[in-house]
Amino acid sequence: RWRFLSVLLAGAGAFGGMATAALAGVWIGMAEPAPLAAVTEAFL
């Protein structure tokens, strides 16, 4: 299944990039840095 997913996502590089972006999104969403909180308050 990992090989199929790797081929589907155009190789191991794209798979690694997607995994990194997903983990960064989860981290930023849970930690919510102070500058990001200020921007969020301005819009919402």
PDB file of all heavy atoms in Angstrom:
ATOM      1  N   ARG A   1       0.833  -1.212   0.000  1.00  0.00           N
ATOM      2  CA  ARG A   1       0.000   0.000   0.000  1.00  0.00           C
ATOM      3  C   ARG A   1       0.859   1.249   0.000  1.00  0.00           C
ATOM      4  O   ARG A   1       0.500   2.251  -0.605  1.00  0.00           O
ATOM      5  CB  ARG A   1      -0.926  -0.015   1.206  1.00  0.00           C
ATOM      6  CG  ARG A   1      -1.965  -1.097   1.111  1.00  0.00           C
ATOM      7  CD  ARG A   1      -2.803  -1.136   2.376  1.00  0.00           C
ATOM      8  NE  ARG A   1      -3.498  -2.402   2.456  1.00  0.00           N
ATOM      9  CZ  ARG A   1      -4.799  -2.523   2.310  1.00  0.00           C
ATOM     10  NH1 ARG A   1      -5.522  -1.475   2.078  1.00  0.00           N
ATOM     11  NH2 ARG A   1      -5.356  -3.700   2.398  1.00  0.00           N
ATOM     12  N   TRP A   2       1.984   1.205   0.704  1.00  0.00           N
ATOM     13  CA  TRP A   2       2.863   2.381   0.738  1.00  0.00           C
ATOM     14  C   TRP A   2       3.451   2.647  -0.633  1.00  0.00           C
ATOM     15  O   TRP A   2       3.605   3.789  -1.051  1.00  0.00           O
ATOM     16  CB  TRP A   2       3.972   2.199   1.769  1.00  0.00           C
ATOM     17  CG  TRP A   2       3.443   2.234   3.163  1.00  0.00           C
ATOM     18  CD1 TRP A   2       3.374   1.194   4.026  1.00  0.00           C
ATOM     19  CD2 TRP A   2       2.876   3.360   3.836  1.00  0.00           C
ATOM     20  NE1 TRP A   2       2.804   1.595   5.200  1.00  0.00           N
ATOM     21  CE2 TRP A   2       2.491   2.917   5.111  1.00  0.00           C
ATOM     22  CE3 TRP A   2       2.667   4.683   3.494  1.00  0.00           C
ATOM     23  CZ2 TRP A   2       1.901   3.774   6.039  1.00  0.00           C
ATOM     24  CZ3 TRP A   2       2.074   5.525   4.422  1.00  0.00           C
ATOM     25  CH2 TRP A   2       1.706   5.067   5.669  1.00  0.00           C
ATOM     26  N   ARG A   3       3.812   1.588  -1.341  1.00  0.00           N
ATOM     27  CA  ARG A   3       4.351   1.743  -2.692  1.00  0.00           C
ATOM     28  C   ARG A   3       3.287   2.331  -3.619  1.00  0.00           C
ATOM     29  O   ARG A   3       3.570   3.217  -4.416  1.00  0.00           O
ATOM     30  CB  ARG A   3       4.836   0.386  -3.208  1.00  0.00           C
ATOM     31  CG  ARG A   3       5.319   0.389  -4.609  1.00  0.00           C
ATOM     32  CD  ARG A   3       6.681   1.022  -4.729  1.00  0.00           C
ATOM     33  NE  ARG A   3       7.099   0.909  -6.110  1.00  0.00           N
ATOM     34  CZ  ARG A   3       7.828   1.799  -6.723  1.00  0.00           C
ATOM     35  NH1 ARG A   3       8.285   2.834  -6.067  1.00  0.00           N
ATOM     36  NH2 ARG A   3       8.151   1.651  -7.969  1.00  0.00           N
ATOM     37  N   PHE A   4       2.055   1.845  -3.511  1.00  0.00           N
ATOM     38  CA  PHE A   4       0.961   2.374  -4.329  1.00  0.00           C
ATOM     39  C   PHE A   4       0.730   3.853  -4.028  1.00  0.00           C
ATOM     40  O   PHE A   4       0.572   4.664  -4.925  1.00  0.00           O
ATOM     41  CB  PHE A   4      -0.317   1.572  -4.077  1.00  0.00           C
ATOM     42  CG  PHE A   4      -1.523   2.150  -4.742  1.00  0.00           C
ATOM     43  CD1 PHE A   4      -1.682   2.030  -6.115  1.00  0.00           C
ATOM     44  CD2 PHE A   4      -2.483   2.827  -4.014  1.00  0.00           C
ATOM     45  CE1 PHE A   4      -2.787   2.563  -6.741  1.00  0.00           C
ATOM     46  CE2 PHE A   4      -3.589   3.364  -4.629  1.00  0.00           C
ATOM     47  CZ  PHE A   4      -3.734   3.236  -6.003  1.00  0.00           C
ATOM     48  N   LEU A   5       0.730   4.213  -2.728  1.00  0.00           N
ATOM     49  CA  LEU A   5       0.523   5.609  -2.348  1.00  0.00           C
ATOM     50  C   LEU A   5       1.669   6.480  -2.833  1.00  0.00           C
ATOM     51  O   LEU A   5       1.456   7.603  -3.294  1.00  0.00           O
ATOM     52  CB  LEU A   5       0.379   5.705  -0.825  1.00  0.00           C
ATOM     53  CG  LEU A   5      -0.048   7.047  -0.277  1.00  0.00           C
ATOM     54  CD1 LEU A   5      -1.412   7.446  -0.819  1.00  0.00           C
ATOM     55  CD2 LEU A   5      -0.090   6.998   1.235  1.00  0.00           C
ATOM     56  N   SER A   6       2.886   5.957  -2.775  1.00  0.00           N
ATOM     57  CA  SER A   6       4.044   6.701  -3.254  1.00  0.00           C
ATOM     58  C   SER A   6       3.961   6.954  -4.753  1.00  0.00           C
ATOM     59  O   SER A   6       4.248   8.051  -5.224  1.00  0.00           O
ATOM     60  CB  SER A   6       5.326   5.929  -2.915  1.00  0.00           C
ATOM     61  OG  SER A   6       6.438   6.566  -3.463  1.00  0.00           O
ATOM     62  N   VAL A   7       3.558   5.954  -5.508  1.00  0.00           N
ATOM     63  CA  VAL A   7       3.404   6.118  -6.957  1.00  0.00           C
ATOM     64  C   VAL A   7       2.254   7.065  -7.258  1.00  0.00           C
ATOM     65  O   VAL A   7       2.342   7.902  -8.155  1.00  0.00           O
ATOM     66  CB  VAL A   7       3.198   4.744  -7.635  1.00  0.00           C
ATOM     67  CG1 VAL A   7       2.782   4.897  -9.084  1.00  0.00           C
ATOM     68  CG2 VAL A   7       4.473   3.919  -7.535  1.00  0.00           C
ATOM     69  N   LEU A   8       1.181   6.959  -6.499  1.00  0.00           N
ATOM     70  CA  LEU A   8       0.020   7.820  -6.700  1.00  0.00           C
ATOM     71  C   LEU A   8       0.365   9.281  -6.462  1.00  0.00           C
ATOM     72  O   LEU A   8      -0.107  10.163  -7.175  1.00  0.00           O
ATOM     73  CB  LEU A   8      -1.111   7.387  -5.761  1.00  0.00           C
ATOM     74  CG  LEU A   8      -2.437   8.107  -5.907  1.00  0.00           C
ATOM     75  CD1 LEU A   8      -3.074   7.737  -7.245  1.00  0.00           C
ATOM     76  CD2 LEU A   8      -3.362   7.737  -4.780  1.00  0.00           C
ATOM     77  N   LEU A   9       1.212   9.554  -5.493  1.00  0.00           N
ATOM     78  CA  LEU A   9       1.584  10.932  -5.167  1.00  0.00           C
ATOM     79  C   LEU A   9       2.841  11.381  -5.898  1.00  0.00           C
ATOM     80  O   LEU A   9       3.462  12.355  -5.506  1.00  0.00           O
ATOM     81  CB  LEU A   9       1.799  11.065  -3.662  1.00  0.00           C
ATOM     82  CG  LEU A   9       0.556  10.821  -2.816  1.00  0.00           C
ATOM     83  CD1 LEU A   9       0.910  10.861  -1.349  1.00  0.00           C
ATOM     84  CD2 LEU A   9      -0.505  11.845  -3.133  1.00  0.00           C
ATOM     85  N   ALA A  10       3.226  10.700  -6.943  1.00  0.00           N
ATOM     86  CA  ALA A  10       4.353  11.075  -7.808  1.00  0.00           C
ATOM     87  C   ALA A  10       5.705  10.908  -7.133  1.00  0.00           C
ATOM     88  O   ALA A  10       6.607  11.702  -7.328  1.00  0.00           O
ATOM     89  CB  ALA A  10       4.175  12.489  -8.337  1.00  0.00           C
ATOM     90  N   GLY A  11       5.859   9.906  -6.329  1.00  0.00           N
ATOM     91  CA  GLY A  11       7.174   9.586  -5.805  1.00  0.00           C
ATOM     92  C   GLY A  11       7.313   9.834  -4.318  1.00  0.00           C
ATOM     93  O   GLY A  11       6.450  10.423  -3.664  1.00  0.00           O
ATOM     94  N   ALA A  12       8.441   9.400  -3.798  1.00  0.00           N
ATOM     95  CA  ALA A  12       8.693   9.494  -2.365  1.00  0.00           C
ATOM     96  C   ALA A  12       8.886  10.935  -1.921  1.00  0.00           C
ATOM     97  O   ALA A  12       8.533  11.299  -0.798  1.00  0.00           O
ATOM     98  CB  ALA A  12       9.913   8.658  -2.001  1.00  0.00           C
ATOM     99  N   GLY A  13       9.432  11.778  -2.790  1.00  0.00           N
ATOM    100  CA  GLY A  13       9.635  13.181  -2.432  1.00  0.00           C
ATOM    101  C   GLY A  13       8.325  13.891  -2.170  1.00  0.00           C
ATOM    102  O   GLY A  13       8.178  14.635  -1.192  1.00  0.00           O
ATOM    103  N   ALA A  14       7.355  13.674  -3.016  1.00  0.00           N
ATOM    104  CA  ALA A  14       6.046  14.297  -2.829  1.00  0.00           C
ATOM    105  C   ALA A  14       5.363  13.728  -1.594  1.00  0.00           C
ATOM    106  O   ALA A  14       4.690  14.449  -0.858  1.00  0.00           O
ATOM    107  CB  ALA A  14       5.181  14.082  -4.060  1.00  0.00           C
ATOM    108  N   PHE A  15       5.535  12.445  -1.360  1.00  0.00           N
ATOM    109  CA  PHE A  15       4.942  11.808  -0.183  1.00  0.00           C
ATOM    110  C   PHE A  15       5.548  12.402   1.092  1.00  0.00           C
ATOM    111  O   PHE A  15       4.825  12.713   2.036  1.00  0.00           O
ATOM    112  CB  PHE A  15       5.173  10.303  -0.249  1.00  0.00           C
ATOM    113  CG  PHE A  15       4.521   9.540   0.863  1.00  0.00           C
ATOM    114  CD1 PHE A  15       3.148   9.488   0.963  1.00  0.00           C
ATOM    115  CD2 PHE A  15       5.286   8.884   1.804  1.00  0.00           C
ATOM    116  CE1 PHE A  15       2.533   8.779   1.983  1.00  0.00           C
ATOM    117  CE2 PHE A  15       4.690   8.180   2.822  1.00  0.00           C
ATOM    118  CZ  PHE A  15       3.313   8.127   2.909  1.00  0.00           C
ATOM    119  N   GLY A  16       6.852  12.577   1.113  1.00  0.00           N
ATOM    120  CA  GLY A  16       7.517  13.183   2.272  1.00  0.00           C
ATOM    121  C   GLY A  16       7.089  14.623   2.481  1.00  0.00           C
ATOM    122  O   GLY A  16       6.887  15.075   3.612  1.00  0.00           O
ATOM    123  N   GLY A  17       6.956  15.368   1.383  1.00  0.00           N
ATOM    124  CA  GLY A  17       6.517  16.755   1.486  1.00  0.00           C
ATOM    125  C   GLY A  17       5.101  16.866   2.019  1.00  0.00           C
ATOM    126  O   GLY A  17       4.800  17.752   2.836  1.00  0.00           O
ATOM    127  N   MET A  18       4.218  15.970   1.564  1.00  0.00           N
ATOM    128  CA  MET A  18       2.840  15.993   2.056  1.00  0.00           C
ATOM    129  C   MET A  18       2.772  15.624   3.537  1.00  0.00           C
ATOM    130  O   MET A  18       2.005  16.220   4.291  1.00  0.00           O
ATOM    131  CB  MET A  18       1.981  15.022   1.249  1.00  0.00           C
ATOM    132  CG  MET A  18       1.189  15.689   0.176  1.00  0.00           C
ATOM    133  SD  MET A  18       0.218  14.480  -0.687  1.00  0.00           S
ATOM    134  CE  MET A  18      -1.375  14.873  -0.051  1.00  0.00           C
ATOM    135  N   ALA A  19       3.570  14.658   3.938  1.00  0.00           N
ATOM    136  CA  ALA A  19       3.581  14.261   5.344  1.00  0.00           C
ATOM    137  C   ALA A  19       4.102  15.397   6.215  1.00  0.00           C
ATOM    138  O   ALA A  19       3.547  15.690   7.278  1.00  0.00           O
ATOM    139  CB  ALA A  19       4.432  13.007   5.526  1.00  0.00           C
ATOM    140  N   THR A  20       5.151  16.085   5.753  1.00  0.00           N
ATOM    141  CA  THR A  20       5.700  17.207   6.497  1.00  0.00           C
ATOM    142  C   THR A  20       4.696  18.344   6.598  1.00  0.00           C
ATOM    143  O   THR A  20       4.518  18.948   7.660  1.00  0.00           O
ATOM    144  CB  THR A  20       6.994  17.700   5.820  1.00  0.00           C
ATOM    145  OG1 THR A  20       7.904  16.606   5.725  1.00  0.00           O
ATOM    146  CG2 THR A  20       7.630  18.826   6.600  1.00  0.00           C
ATOM    147  N   ALA A  21       4.021  18.654   5.506  1.00  0.00           N
ATOM    148  CA  ALA A  21       3.026  19.725   5.516  1.00  0.00           C
ATOM    149  C   ALA A  21       1.857  19.379   6.443  1.00  0.00           C
ATOM    150  O   ALA A  21       1.340  20.248   7.150  1.00  0.00           O
ATOM    151  CB  ALA A  21       2.519  19.980   4.103  1.00  0.00           C
ATOM    152  N   ALA A  22       1.454  18.112   6.452  1.00  0.00           N
ATOM    153  CA  ALA A  22       0.359  17.703   7.331  1.00  0.00           C
ATOM    154  C   ALA A  22       0.763  17.842   8.796  1.00  0.00           C
ATOM    155  O   ALA A  22      -0.015  18.350   9.615  1.00  0.00           O
ATOM    156  CB  ALA A  22      -0.044  16.266   7.023  1.00  0.00           C
ATOM    157  N   LEU A  23       1.960  17.401   9.131  1.00  0.00           N
ATOM    158  CA  LEU A  23       2.420  17.526  10.516  1.00  0.00           C
ATOM    159  C   LEU A  23       2.589  18.981  10.922  1.00  0.00           C
ATOM    160  O   LEU A  23       2.256  19.366  12.045  1.00  0.00           O
ATOM    161  CB  LEU A  23       3.727  16.764  10.707  1.00  0.00           C
ATOM    162  CG  LEU A  23       3.597  15.246  10.686  1.00  0.00           C
ATOM    163  CD1 LEU A  23       4.967  14.591  10.769  1.00  0.00           C
ATOM    164  CD2 LEU A  23       2.715  14.773  11.815  1.00  0.00           C
ATOM    165  N   ALA A  24       3.095  19.819  10.012  1.00  0.00           N
ATOM    166  CA  ALA A  24       3.240  21.244  10.316  1.00  0.00           C
ATOM    167  C   ALA A  24       1.869  21.874  10.520  1.00  0.00           C
ATOM    168  O   ALA A  24       1.690  22.719  11.419  1.00  0.00           O
ATOM    169  CB  ALA A  24       3.989  21.942   9.181  1.00  0.00           C
ATOM    170  N   GLY A  25       0.877  21.491   9.731  1.00  0.00           N
ATOM    171  CA  GLY A  25      -0.472  22.029   9.895  1.00  0.00           C
ATOM    172  C   GLY A  25      -1.073  21.652  11.228  1.00  0.00           C
ATOM    173  O   GLY A  25      -1.714  22.476  11.884  1.00  0.00           O
ATOM    174  N   VAL A  26      -0.875  20.412  11.636  1.00  0.00           N
ATOM    175  CA  VAL A  26      -1.390  19.983  12.932  1.00  0.00           C
ATOM    176  C   VAL A  26      -0.691  20.734  14.048  1.00  0.00           C
ATOM    177  O   VAL A  26      -1.322  21.211  15.000  1.00  0.00           O
ATOM    178  CB  VAL A  26      -1.225  18.451  13.104  1.00  0.00           C
ATOM    179  CG1 VAL A  26      -1.479  18.021  14.535  1.00  0.00           C
ATOM    180  CG2 VAL A  26      -2.141  17.721  12.154  1.00  0.00           C
ATOM    181  N   TRP A  27       0.624  20.892  13.945  1.00  0.00           N
ATOM    182  CA  TRP A  27       1.389  21.593  14.986  1.00  0.00           C
ATOM    183  C   TRP A  27       0.974  23.058  15.080  1.00  0.00           C
ATOM    184  O   TRP A  27       0.731  23.576  16.171  1.00  0.00           O
ATOM    185  CB  TRP A  27       2.879  21.465  14.695  1.00  0.00           C
ATOM    186  CG  TRP A  27       3.736  22.206  15.675  1.00  0.00           C
ATOM    187  CD1 TRP A  27       3.794  22.010  17.021  1.00  0.00           C
ATOM    188  CD2 TRP A  27       4.631  23.272  15.381  1.00  0.00           C
ATOM    189  NE1 TRP A  27       4.690  22.889  17.583  1.00  0.00           N
ATOM    190  CE2 TRP A  27       5.219  23.667  16.595  1.00  0.00           C
ATOM    191  CE3 TRP A  27       5.007  23.914  14.209  1.00  0.00           C
ATOM    192  CZ2 TRP A  27       6.143  24.698  16.665  1.00  0.00           C
ATOM    193  CZ3 TRP A  27       5.939  24.923  14.287  1.00  0.00           C
ATOM    194  CH2 TRP A  27       6.498  25.306  15.496  1.00  0.00           C
ATOM    195  N   ILE A  28       0.868  23.739  13.949  1.00  0.00           N
ATOM    196  CA  ILE A  28       0.483  25.156  13.961  1.00  0.00           C
ATOM    197  C   ILE A  28      -0.955  25.294  14.467  1.00  0.00           C
ATOM    198  O   ILE A  28      -1.285  26.225  15.201  1.00  0.00           O
ATOM    199  CB  ILE A  28       0.649  25.774  12.556  1.00  0.00           C
ATOM    200  CG1 ILE A  28       2.136  25.881  12.221  1.00  0.00           C
ATOM    201  CG2 ILE A  28      -0.020  27.135  12.463  1.00  0.00           C
ATOM    202  CD1 ILE A  28       2.408  26.259  10.784  1.00  0.00           C
ATOM    203  N   GLY A  29      -1.806  24.366  14.084  1.00  0.00           N
ATOM    204  CA  GLY A  29      -3.191  24.433  14.545  1.00  0.00           C
ATOM    205  C   GLY A  29      -3.330  24.213  16.035  1.00  0.00           C
ATOM    206  O   GLY A  29      -4.181  24.829  16.685  1.00  0.00           O
ATOM    207  N   MET A  30      -2.516  23.369  16.602  1.00  0.00           N
ATOM    208  CA  MET A  30      -2.607  23.103  18.036  1.00  0.00           C
ATOM    209  C   MET A  30      -1.863  24.154  18.861  1.00  0.00           C
ATOM    210  O   MET A  30      -2.332  24.557  19.920  1.00  0.00           O
ATOM    211  CB  MET A  30      -2.042  21.714  18.353  1.00  0.00           C
ATOM    212  CG  MET A  30      -2.848  20.572  17.749  1.00  0.00           C
ATOM    213  SD  MET A  30      -4.529  20.517  18.303  1.00  0.00           S
ATOM    214  CE  MET A  30      -4.307  19.825  19.922  1.00  0.00           C
ATOM    215  N   ALA A  31      -0.706  24.615  18.387  1.00  0.00           N
ATOM    216  CA  ALA A  31       0.113  25.558  19.160  1.00  0.00           C
ATOM    217  C   ALA A  31      -0.391  26.990  19.022  1.00  0.00           C
ATOM    218  O   ALA A  31      -0.369  27.752  19.983  1.00  0.00           O
ATOM    219  CB  ALA A  31       1.564  25.477  18.698  1.00  0.00           C
ATOM    220  N   GLU A  32      -0.862  27.369  17.859  1.00  0.00           N
ATOM    221  CA  GLU A  32      -1.314  28.708  17.507  1.00  0.00           C
ATOM    222  C   GLU A  32      -0.357  29.781  18.042  1.00  0.00           C
ATOM    223  O   GLU A  32      -0.543  30.330  19.124  1.00  0.00           O
ATOM    224  CB  GLU A  32      -2.729  28.974  18.011  1.00  0.00           C
ATOM    225  CG  GLU A  32      -3.293  30.227  17.410  1.00  0.00           C
ATOM    226  CD  GLU A  32      -4.735  30.477  17.794  1.00  0.00           C
ATOM    227  OE1 GLU A  32      -5.257  29.830  18.686  1.00  0.00           O
ATOM    228  OE2 GLU A  32      -5.323  31.350  17.154  1.00  0.00           O
ATOM    229  N   PRO A  33       0.690  30.068  17.273  1.00  0.00           N
ATOM    230  CA  PRO A  33       1.659  31.083  17.686  1.00  0.00           C
ATOM    231  C   PRO A  33       0.988  32.446  17.906  1.00  0.00           C
ATOM    232  O   PRO A  33      -0.047  32.750  17.322  1.00  0.00           O
ATOM    233  CB  PRO A  33       2.635  31.148  16.516  1.00  0.00           C
ATOM    234  CG  PRO A  33       2.384  29.925  15.718  1.00  0.00           C
ATOM    235  CD  PRO A  33       1.001  29.494  15.996  1.00  0.00           C
ATOM    236  N   ALA A  34       1.601  33.272  18.750  1.00  0.00           N
ATOM    237  CA  ALA A  34       1.027  34.575  19.112  1.00  0.00           C
ATOM    238  C   ALA A  34       0.778  35.474  17.889  1.00  0.00           C
ATOM    239  O   ALA A  34      -0.297  36.075  17.792  1.00  0.00           O
ATOM    240  CB  ALA A  34       1.921  35.265  20.123  1.00  0.00           C
ATOM    241  N   PRO A  35       1.725  35.617  16.956  1.00  0.00           N
ATOM    242  CA  PRO A  35       1.427  36.478  15.793  1.00  0.00           C
ATOM    243  C   PRO A  35       0.239  35.967  14.985  1.00  0.00           C
ATOM    244  O   PRO A  35      -0.555  36.753  14.466  1.00  0.00           O
ATOM    245  CB  PRO A  35       2.698  36.421  14.958  1.00  0.00           C
ATOM    246  CG  PRO A  35       3.766  36.031  15.897  1.00  0.00           C
ATOM    247  CD  PRO A  35       3.109  35.166  16.927  1.00  0.00           C
ATOM    248  N   LEU A  36       0.085  34.677  14.912  1.00  0.00           N
ATOM    249  CA  LEU A  36      -1.040  34.108  14.179  1.00  0.00           C
ATOM    250  C   LEU A  36      -2.355  34.350  14.924  1.00  0.00           C
ATOM    251  O   LEU A  36      -3.392  34.592  14.314  1.00  0.00           O
ATOM    252  CB  LEU A  36      -0.819  32.617  13.950  1.00  0.00           C
ATOM    253  CG  LEU A  36      -1.839  31.914  13.064  1.00  0.00           C
ATOM    254  CD1 LEU A  36      -1.848  32.531  11.676  1.00  0.00           C
ATOM    255  CD2 LEU A  36      -1.541  30.448  12.981  1.00  0.00           C
ATOM    256  N   ALA A  37      -2.302  34.343  16.242  1.00  0.00           N
ATOM    257  CA  ALA A  37      -3.499  34.619  17.042  1.00  0.00           C
ATOM    258  C   ALA A  37      -3.968  36.050  16.818  1.00  0.00           C
ATOM    259  O   ALA A  37      -5.165  36.320  16.739  1.00  0.00           O
ATOM    260  CB  ALA A  37      -3.221  34.360  18.509  1.00  0.00           C
ATOM    261  N   ALA A  38      -3.028  36.983  16.684  1.00  0.00           N
ATOM    262  CA  ALA A  38      -3.397  38.380  16.432  1.00  0.00           C
ATOM    263  C   ALA A  38      -4.066  38.533  15.070  1.00  0.00           C
ATOM    264  O   ALA A  38      -5.052  39.260  14.925  1.00  0.00           O
ATOM    265  CB  ALA A  38      -2.158  39.261  16.521  1.00  0.00           C
ATOM    266  N   VAL A  39      -3.548  37.847  14.078  1.00  0.00           N
ATOM    267  CA  VAL A  39      -4.140  37.909  12.738  1.00  0.00           C
ATOM    268  C   VAL A  39      -5.527  37.274  12.758  1.00  0.00           C
ATOM    269  O   VAL A  39      -6.478  37.804  12.169  1.00  0.00           O
ATOM    270  CB  VAL A  39      -3.222  37.204  11.708  1.00  0.00           C
ATOM    271  CG1 VAL A  39      -3.911  37.061  10.366  1.00  0.00           C
ATOM    272  CG2 VAL A  39      -1.918  37.947  11.568  1.00  0.00           C
ATOM    273  N   THR A  40      -5.672  36.181  13.457  1.00  0.00           N
ATOM    274  CA  THR A  40      -6.967  35.512  13.546  1.00  0.00           C
ATOM    275  C   THR A  40      -7.991  36.406  14.232  1.00  0.00           C
ATOM    276  O   THR A  40      -9.140  36.498  13.804  1.00  0.00           O
ATOM    277  CB  THR A  40      -6.827  34.189  14.317  1.00  0.00           C
ATOM    278  OG1 THR A  40      -5.846  33.393  13.699  1.00  0.00           O
ATOM    279  CG2 THR A  40      -8.131  33.434  14.364  1.00  0.00           C
ATOM    280  N   GLU A  41      -7.580  37.113  15.308  1.00  0.00           N
ATOM    281  CA  GLU A  41      -8.489  38.022  16.004  1.00  0.00           C
ATOM    282  C   GLU A  41      -8.907  39.183  15.123  1.00  0.00           C
ATOM    283  O   GLU A  41     -10.032  39.663  15.202  1.00  0.00           O
ATOM    284  CB  GLU A  41      -7.822  38.556  17.276  1.00  0.00           C
ATOM    285  CG  GLU A  41      -8.242  37.810  18.499  1.00  0.00           C
ATOM    286  CD  GLU A  41      -7.634  38.429  19.740  1.00  0.00           C
ATOM    287  OE1 GLU A  41      -7.703  39.664  19.907  1.00  0.00           O
ATOM    288  OE2 GLU A  41      -7.089  37.660  20.526  1.00  0.00           O
ATOM    289  N   ALA A  42      -8.002  39.648  14.252  1.00  0.00           N
ATOM    290  CA  ALA A  42      -8.329  40.763  13.359  1.00  0.00           C
ATOM    291  C   ALA A  42      -9.388  40.343  12.345  1.00  0.00           C
ATOM    292  O   ALA A  42     -10.291  41.131  12.025  1.00  0.00           O
ATOM    293  CB  ALA A  42      -7.074  41.245  12.655  1.00  0.00           C
ATOM    294  N   PHE A  43      -9.305  39.159  11.847  1.00  0.00           N
ATOM    295  CA  PHE A  43     -10.256  38.711  10.833  1.00  0.00           C
ATOM    296  C   PHE A  43     -11.525  38.116  11.442  1.00  0.00           C
ATOM    297  O   PHE A  43     -12.610  38.233  10.879  1.00  0.00           O
ATOM    298  CB  PHE A  43      -9.609  37.683   9.900  1.00  0.00           C
ATOM    299  CG  PHE A  43      -8.647  38.292   8.927  1.00  0.00           C
ATOM    300  CD1 PHE A  43      -7.293  38.053   9.025  1.00  0.00           C
ATOM    301  CD2 PHE A  43      -9.102  39.116   7.907  1.00  0.00           C
ATOM    302  CE1 PHE A  43      -6.407  38.623   8.130  1.00  0.00           C
ATOM    303  CE2 PHE A  43      -8.224  39.690   7.012  1.00  0.00           C
ATOM    304  CZ  PHE A  43      -6.868  39.442   7.114  1.00  0.00           C
ATOM    305  N   LEU A  44     -11.395  37.445  12.573  1.00  0.00           N
ATOM    306  CA  LEU A  44     -12.539  36.800  13.213  1.00  0.00           C
ATOM    307  C   LEU A  44     -12.637  37.268  14.664  1.00  0.00           C
ATOM    308  O   LEU A  44     -12.117  36.623  15.573  1.00  0.00           O
ATOM    309  CB  LEU A  44     -12.380  35.281  13.171  1.00  0.00           C
ATOM    310  CG  LEU A  44     -12.275  34.635  11.799  1.00  0.00           C
ATOM    311  CD1 LEU A  44     -11.864  33.191  11.931  1.00  0.00           C
ATOM    312  CD2 LEU A  44     -13.590  34.745  11.064  1.00  0.00           C
TER     313      LEU A  44
END
